Amino acid sequence: MSVPPTGQRAYTERILPFTTEDGVKLNLHNVRGSTTPHKGPVLLVHGAGVRANIFRAPVPTSLVDALIDDGYDVWLENWRASIDFAPNLWTLDQAARYDHPKAVETIVADTGVSRIKAVIHCQGSTSFTMSAIAGLVPAVSTIVTNAVSLHPVVPSWSRFKLSYLVPPVGLITPYLNPHWGEHAPTIPAKLISLIVRLTHHECDNAVCKQVSFTYGSGFPALWRHENLNDATHDWLKQEFGHVPLRFFKQINRCVRRGHLLSYQPLDGLPDDYTAAPPKTDARFAFFAGEKNLCFLPESQCRSFAYFDQLNPGYHSLHLLPDYGHLDVFMGKNAAVDTFPLILAELNKD
């Protein structure tokens, strides 16, 4: 795992490899400060085409810093969508059935605790929500979810791209990769990079522009430029990589239906995640940036309404003014604007 160039504190970090039931080798990064944590483990789950390092942006106080300062034992999961691993045609179903349950099981076995908490983001959030609804992570008591969980809602241009652009792109490449903005090794990569250069003029960071082309509808799509410091905007060049077109096909099905659906039949997973009540007693705290142009904040509003109807007053919803998608975690002012809200939800128990 790479280390941010600035804002990095001196921590003890160990890597715990684990192997899923279907034979995929993944890992957890356990990060601790100089004092023994007293609030138990919290698991951080990244989104698609990034890695666990995404929670450690070069800001004075990252989310990892804030959690350690508050007394938590921090665990960062690299699931099969992580760019630390070789490209693979993963699905949300595989992550839900195999990756997250094994990660939670590994933490419980290593620490000896019976309950842990989780902060989950984007496709780490959708897949982890699938695990929870299916009853596969019973040790998780509190889930802080950002951007999207059970009900993916995207801008109209994103719906168009998912329906009409993904299929032809899939004929020339099985993956998209925002890092092509730095290095485009194949003819399809060069063609897509040319399209991005011709259509995106929001900044001089080629990877930032490729990210927007890949994941959303904005200029930029995953953050607001005014929320990032220069170091973070530059650091992002190394933090995005391959994502399979197969994933976009799955999320398109879910967007069209209005909620999460399985893409492939796997034992222990339902076909429709709203067909029966969730098999979890975890409390969900739904977070959404009001300016999110990847998944609209309506995504989390719908999911909160669904869970709140099942258990009124148990779950919570936070809409964050002037924030988008990933700047909720890596924004230069996130330590003041969003981290206290996340910590308050984790500390409720």
Foldseek 3Di string as FASTA:
>chain_A
DDAQPALDDDWDKDKAWDAWPVGDIWIKIWTAHPDAFDQEEEEEEDAAQFFQCLQRFRANAFLVNLCRVVRHGYMYTGDPRHPVDDDDQDELQCCLVIPVLVVLVVRCVVPVDQAYEYEYAYSSQQSVLQNQLLVSRQRYAAYEYEQAYWFFAADPVLLCCLVPVLVVLCVVDQKQFLLLLVPQPDPSSVVVLVVLVVPADLDDRSSQSSCCVPFFDDSRAAKDPVQADPSRSVVVSPGGTIGGSSHSNQVSVRNVVRTHADPDDDPSGDRHSLPDGGNYNHAYEYEYECAHGRTHPVNSVVVCVSVCVVPPPRYYYYYFYRTYGSSCRRTNCNVPRRSVVVVVSSPPD
